[in-house]
Amino acid sequence: MKNNKSYDRRGSGRNEKSHKKEYFKANDKKENKPGKKNKFEDKKRFASTAPFRKRLPKTPKENDGTRLNKYIANSGVCSRREADIFIQNGVVEVNGKIITEFGYKVQPGDEVFFDGRYIRPEKNVYVLLNKPKGYISTTKDEKARKTVLDLVANASPYRLYPVGRLDRQTTGVLLLTNDGDLTKKLTHPSHEVKKIYHVTLNKKVSVEDFGKLLEGLRFEEGVAKVDKISYIEGAPKNEVGVEIHIGWNRIIRRMFERLGYEVEKLDRVMFAGLTKKALKRGYWRILTDLEVNTLKML
């Protein structure tokens, strides 16, 4: 059987609310009649006479503290992976006890010793260098050649590491830091950190070769292609700007050499949003807090 009544949802909702209000008003009057106890007053009376319970201190959570391998890495001793090996070999002590657990967490106030030497996490330092020619981007060199660390020796009391590498003849923007987590993030292929280079070649670059570089060239590591390429405004046609995110060894030089060009000059003008603006060749500066935060949000 069909129901011919039509309901207005808004109206029915209001009627229902008003009905509830009238119901509670009526009940309130009944409860507040003289000679009868008000149940709400009884509740208040009970609450006021309830015994005081002292709040117990919070127990530490399982995720409190810092993992031991991260603590060691932040102290500038080695990487996390290397730290795991040292932990397994019994080289690390916490509060006088040898620790061999990978997941062990260091709590505030703990004393950590690495091979008998007291260690503690370093303050993170971020240095931007305008790298000149003739310096290699490694921390050590067997041939005793000049490294970028020689240029930033006075920048920090802590040991710094270059984020990625520029070959000996390449100039421009280079970031150095002791922040292992940020270094890993900026160098991992999945983050596709953008880099821009000013490339000077031995001859004019053809538009046809622009297309080949954008389409990609095959190497041992895979297919390498540039994200953007264009002539530099106001410069000869043998100078181009190249945007790329892959970080394979000498990949810019190798790509142009594959097409029959010789790279005469290679200058990185931007890395992860950082530029060498107002920074002379061979000089360095400390990053601002805003620049550091921007890098961490990439």
Protein backbone atom coordinates (compact mmCIF):
# COMPACT_ATOMS: atom_id res chain seq x y z
CA MET A 1 0.00 0.00 0.00
CA LYS A 2 1.39 3.39 -1.01
CA ASN A 3 1.98 6.03 1.59
CA ASN A 4 0.60 9.30 0.24
CA LYS A 5 2.15 11.40 2.98
CA SER A 6 5.06 13.54 1.88
CA TYR A 7 7.74 14.47 4.34
CA ASP A 8 9.80 17.63 4.39
CA ARG A 9 13.21 16.52 5.72
CA ARG A 10 14.10 19.94 6.99
CA GLY A 11 10.71 20.41 8.63
CA SER A 12 10.65 16.94 10.13
CA GLY A 13 14.12 17.48 11.54
CA ARG A 14 13.03 20.67 13.24
CA ASN A 15 9.87 19.09 14.64
CA GLU A 16 11.91 16.23 16.03
CA LYS A 17 14.32 18.63 17.73
CA SER A 18 11.53 20.76 19.17
CA HIS A 19 9.84 17.60 20.45
CA LYS A 20 13.07 16.60 22.22
CA LYS A 21 13.40 20.05 23.78
CA GLU A 22 9.83 19.95 25.11
CA TYR A 23 10.41 16.48 26.50
CA PHE A 24 13.56 17.51 28.41
CA LYS A 25 11.89 20.69 29.70
CA ALA A 26 9.01 18.65 31.07
CA ASN A 27 11.40 16.22 32.74
CA ASP A 28 13.43 19.05 34.22
CA LYS A 29 10.31 20.49 35.82
CA LYS A 30 9.45 17.11 37.31
CA GLU A 31 12.95 16.66 38.70
CA ASN A 32 13.05 20.18 40.18
CA LYS A 33 9.73 19.94 42.00
CA PRO A 34 9.93 20.82 45.72
CA GLY A 35 10.35 17.85 47.93
CA LYS A 36 12.07 15.75 45.31
CA LYS A 37 15.81 15.23 44.93
CA ASN A 38 17.40 16.44 41.74
CA LYS A 39 19.43 13.62 40.21
CA PHE A 40 21.86 16.14 38.72
CA GLU A 41 22.56 17.58 42.16
CA ASP A 42 23.25 14.06 43.40
CA LYS A 43 25.81 13.61 40.64
CA LYS A 44 27.53 16.89 41.55
CA ARG A 45 27.56 15.90 45.23
CA PHE A 46 29.10 12.54 44.32
CA ALA A 47 31.75 14.15 42.15
CA SER A 48 32.77 16.58 44.89
CA THR A 49 33.23 13.76 47.41
CA ALA A 50 35.08 11.43 45.01
CA PRO A 51 38.61 10.55 46.19
CA PHE A 52 41.51 12.44 44.54
CA ARG A 53 43.51 10.26 42.19
CA LYS A 54 47.12 11.17 41.54
CA ARG A 55 48.03 11.04 37.84
CA LEU A 56 50.79 8.51 37.27
CA PRO A 57 53.87 9.49 35.25
CA LYS A 58 53.80 8.45 31.61
CA THR A 59 55.84 5.42 30.76
CA PRO A 60 58.38 5.94 27.97
CA LYS A 61 57.18 4.88 24.55
CA GLU A 62 59.00 2.25 22.55
CA ASN A 63 59.90 4.79 19.86
CA ASP A 64 61.57 7.23 22.30
CA GLY A 65 65.28 7.77 21.85
CA THR A 66 67.56 7.56 18.80
CA ARG A 67 68.59 4.39 17.03
CA LEU A 68 72.22 3.60 17.84
CA ASN A 69 73.36 3.44 14.20
CA LYS A 70 71.82 6.87 13.52
CA TYR A 71 73.43 8.28 16.68
CA ILE A 72 76.84 7.08 15.50
CA ALA A 73 76.29 8.45 11.98
CA ASN A 74 75.20 11.83 13.36
CA SER A 75 78.41 11.90 15.37
CA GLY A 76 80.39 11.98 12.10
CA VAL A 77 82.11 8.64 12.65
CA CYS A 78 80.71 6.74 9.65
CA SER A 79 77.54 6.00 7.73
CA ARG A 80 74.57 4.12 9.22
CA ARG A 81 75.36 1.01 7.22
CA GLU A 82 78.96 1.01 8.45
CA ALA A 83 77.73 1.67 11.98
CA ASP A 84 75.66 -1.54 11.88
CA ILE A 85 78.82 -3.50 11.10
CA PHE A 86 80.72 -1.88 13.97
CA ILE A 87 77.82 -2.56 16.35
CA GLN A 88 77.74 -6.21 15.33
CA ASN A 89 81.50 -6.47 15.95
CA GLY A 90 81.13 -5.16 19.51
CA VAL A 91 82.96 -1.87 18.97
CA VAL A 92 80.21 0.29 20.53
CA GLU A 93 79.47 0.73 24.25
CA VAL A 94 76.55 2.51 25.91
CA ASN A 95 76.95 3.36 29.60
CA GLY A 96 79.85 0.93 29.88
CA LYS A 97 77.99 -1.99 28.28
CA ILE A 98 78.81 -3.41 24.83
CA ILE A 99 75.76 -3.23 22.57
CA THR A 100 75.32 -5.59 19.63
CA GLU A 101 71.59 -5.06 19.00
CA PHE A 102 70.76 -3.31 15.72
CA GLY A 103 67.54 -1.77 17.04
CA TYR A 104 68.98 -0.46 20.31
CA LYS A 105 67.89 3.11 21.11
CA VAL A 106 70.02 5.68 22.87
CA GLN A 107 68.17 7.66 25.53
CA PRO A 108 68.91 11.25 26.61
CA GLY A 109 71.77 11.21 29.12
CA ASP A 110 73.31 7.97 27.82
CA GLU A 111 77.07 7.94 27.26
CA VAL A 112 78.14 6.33 23.99
CA PHE A 113 81.70 5.20 23.24
CA PHE A 114 82.99 4.15 19.84
CA ASP A 115 86.19 2.09 19.98
CA GLY A 116 86.89 3.56 23.42
CA ARG A 117 86.27 7.18 22.30
CA TYR A 118 83.34 9.20 23.65
CA ILE A 119 81.07 10.41 20.84
CA ARG A 120 78.01 12.64 20.60
CA PRO A 121 75.87 13.91 17.72
CA GLU A 122 77.15 16.93 15.84
CA LYS A 123 75.26 20.08 14.98
CA ASN A 124 74.22 19.93 11.33
CA VAL A 125 76.09 22.37 9.09
CA TYR A 126 75.20 23.28 5.50
CA VAL A 127 77.79 24.98 3.27
CA LEU A 128 77.34 26.23 -0.30
CA LEU A 129 80.53 26.39 -2.36
CA ASN A 130 81.15 27.94 -5.78
CA LYS A 131 83.63 25.29 -6.87
CA PRO A 132 86.59 26.34 -9.06
CA LYS A 133 88.48 24.16 -11.53
CA GLY A 134 91.25 21.84 -10.35
CA TYR A 135 89.51 20.53 -7.20
CA ILE A 136 88.01 17.07 -6.84
CA SER A 137 84.77 16.38 -4.94
CA THR A 138 86.01 13.66 -2.61
CA THR A 139 87.06 13.63 1.03
CA LYS A 140 90.39 11.88 0.34
CA ASP A 141 92.66 11.48 -2.67
CA GLU A 142 95.45 8.93 -3.00
CA LYS A 143 97.31 11.20 -5.44
CA ALA A 144 97.29 14.06 -2.94
CA ARG A 145 95.33 16.32 -5.30
CA LYS A 146 93.40 19.33 -3.98
CA THR A 147 89.87 18.56 -2.75
CA VAL A 148 86.84 20.75 -2.11
CA LEU A 149 87.36 20.16 1.62
CA ASP A 150 90.52 22.26 1.39
CA LEU A 151 88.34 25.21 0.35
CA VAL A 152 85.86 24.87 3.23
CA ALA A 153 88.34 23.92 5.96
CA ASN A 154 87.31 26.91 8.11
CA ALA A 155 83.56 26.55 7.54
CA SER A 156 82.89 24.07 10.35
CA PRO A 157 84.61 22.22 13.21
CA TYR A 158 82.84 19.09 11.98
CA ARG A 159 83.75 16.93 9.03
CA LEU A 160 81.75 17.81 5.91
CA TYR A 161 80.88 15.69 2.90
CA PRO A 162 80.00 16.83 -0.64
CA VAL A 163 76.44 16.10 -1.74
CA GLY A 164 76.99 14.42 -5.08
CA ARG A 165 80.10 15.13 -7.14
CA LEU A 166 81.45 17.54 -9.70
CA ASP A 167 84.44 16.32 -11.68
CA ARG A 168 87.76 18.09 -11.46
CA GLN A 169 87.18 20.40 -14.44
CA THR A 170 83.52 21.22 -13.65
CA THR A 171 82.78 24.42 -11.74
CA GLY A 172 79.78 25.82 -9.89
CA VAL A 173 77.30 25.05 -7.15
CA LEU A 174 78.28 22.33 -4.68
CA LEU A 175 76.61 21.61 -1.33
CA LEU A 176 78.63 20.21 1.57
CA THR A 177 77.12 19.02 4.85
CA ASN A 178 77.35 16.53 7.72
CA ASP A 179 73.60 15.84 7.53
CA GLY A 180 73.54 12.24 6.31
CA ASP A 181 69.75 12.05 5.98
CA LEU A 182 69.57 15.12 3.74
CA THR A 183 72.51 13.88 1.64
CA LYS A 184 70.77 10.57 1.05
CA LYS A 185 67.56 12.35 0.10
CA LEU A 186 69.17 14.77 -2.36
CA THR A 187 71.22 12.08 -4.10
CA HIS A 188 68.54 9.39 -4.36
CA PRO A 189 67.20 9.06 -7.94
CA SER A 190 63.56 8.85 -6.76
CA HIS A 191 63.60 12.51 -5.62
CA GLU A 192 64.73 13.72 -9.07
CA VAL A 193 66.58 16.76 -7.73
CA LYS A 194 66.88 19.37 -10.46
CA LYS A 195 70.29 20.60 -11.67
CA ILE A 196 71.00 23.28 -14.29
CA TYR A 197 74.30 23.56 -16.20
CA HIS A 198 75.83 26.19 -18.47
CA VAL A 199 77.59 24.15 -21.16
CA THR A 200 80.16 25.62 -23.57
CA LEU A 201 80.98 23.39 -26.56
CA ASN A 202 83.56 23.44 -29.35
CA LYS A 203 80.92 24.14 -32.01
CA LYS A 204 77.33 25.24 -32.52
CA VAL A 205 74.71 22.79 -31.25
CA SER A 206 72.09 21.85 -33.85
CA VAL A 207 68.35 21.85 -33.13
CA GLU A 208 68.31 18.25 -34.35
CA ASP A 209 70.70 17.27 -31.56
CA PHE A 210 68.45 19.10 -29.08
CA GLY A 211 65.79 16.55 -30.00
CA LYS A 212 68.16 13.61 -29.52
CA LEU A 213 69.18 14.81 -26.07
CA LEU A 214 65.53 15.25 -25.07
CA GLU A 215 64.58 11.84 -26.46
CA GLY A 216 67.46 10.09 -24.71
CA LEU A 217 70.73 8.30 -25.43
CA ARG A 218 71.50 4.78 -24.24
CA PHE A 219 74.47 4.12 -21.94
CA GLU A 220 75.54 1.25 -19.70
CA GLU A 221 73.47 2.64 -16.81
CA GLY A 222 70.35 3.02 -18.97
CA VAL A 223 68.78 5.75 -21.10
CA ALA A 224 69.99 9.26 -20.28
CA LYS A 225 68.01 12.30 -21.37
CA VAL A 226 67.90 15.94 -20.46
CA ASP A 227 64.73 17.51 -19.06
CA LYS A 228 65.20 20.84 -20.87
CA ILE A 229 67.76 22.36 -23.23
CA SER A 230 67.99 25.77 -24.91
CA TYR A 231 70.42 28.33 -26.29
CA ILE A 232 71.56 30.93 -23.79
CA GLU A 233 70.17 34.36 -24.58
CA GLY A 234 72.80 36.81 -25.82
CA ALA A 235 75.49 34.10 -26.11
CA PRO A 236 76.91 32.23 -29.15
CA LYS A 237 75.05 29.10 -30.31
CA ASN A 238 77.79 26.88 -28.89
CA GLU A 239 76.61 27.77 -25.37
CA VAL A 240 73.50 26.03 -24.05
CA GLY A 241 71.60 25.68 -20.81
CA VAL A 242 70.79 22.13 -19.75
CA GLU A 243 68.36 21.03 -17.03
CA ILE A 244 68.75 17.43 -15.85
CA HIS A 245 67.93 15.35 -12.78
CA ILE A 246 70.00 12.18 -13.23
CA GLY A 247 73.36 12.18 -11.46
CA TRP A 248 75.43 9.60 -13.31
CA ASN A 249 79.19 10.12 -13.44
CA ARG A 250 80.19 12.76 -16.05
CA ILE A 251 76.85 12.25 -17.82
CA ILE A 252 76.64 15.74 -19.39
CA ARG A 253 80.07 15.37 -20.98
CA ARG A 254 79.34 11.82 -22.13
CA MET A 255 76.04 12.78 -23.77
CA PHE A 256 77.58 15.56 -25.84
CA GLU A 257 80.62 13.45 -26.71
CA ARG A 258 78.26 10.75 -28.03
CA LEU A 259 76.87 13.34 -30.47
CA GLY A 260 80.33 14.48 -31.61
CA TYR A 261 80.83 17.55 -29.41
CA GLU A 262 83.62 18.43 -27.02
CA VAL A 263 82.73 20.15 -23.76
CA GLU A 264 85.09 23.07 -23.22
CA LYS A 265 83.44 24.45 -20.07
CA LEU A 266 80.85 22.99 -17.71
CA ASP A 267 79.42 25.15 -14.95
CA ARG A 268 76.61 24.11 -12.61
CA VAL A 269 74.52 27.20 -11.98
CA MET A 270 71.79 25.59 -9.86
CA PHE A 271 71.39 22.56 -7.61
CA ALA A 272 68.13 21.76 -5.75
CA GLY A 273 67.09 25.41 -5.96
CA LEU A 274 70.46 26.72 -4.70
CA THR A 275 72.40 29.15 -6.91
CA LYS A 276 75.85 30.76 -6.74
CA LYS A 277 74.44 34.27 -6.99
CA ALA A 278 76.78 36.86 -5.41
CA LEU A 279 79.24 34.07 -4.52
CA LYS A 280 82.68 34.38 -6.13
CA ARG A 281 84.48 31.36 -7.55
CA GLY A 282 86.28 29.48 -4.78
CA TYR A 283 84.22 31.09 -1.99
CA TRP A 284 81.61 29.55 0.29
CA ARG A 285 78.77 30.59 2.60
CA ILE A 286 76.53 28.99 5.23
CA LEU A 287 72.97 28.30 4.10
CA THR A 288 70.15 30.28 5.71
CA ASP A 289 67.49 28.55 7.82
CA LEU A 290 64.97 29.17 5.04
CA GLU A 291 67.22 27.47 2.47
CA VAL A 292 67.75 24.46 4.75
CA ASN A 293 64.01 24.08 5.39
CA THR A 294 63.32 24.32 1.65
CA LEU A 295 65.82 21.52 0.95
CA LYS A 296 64.23 19.30 3.56
CA MET A 297 60.79 19.80 1.99
CA LEU A 298 61.93 18.67 -1.48
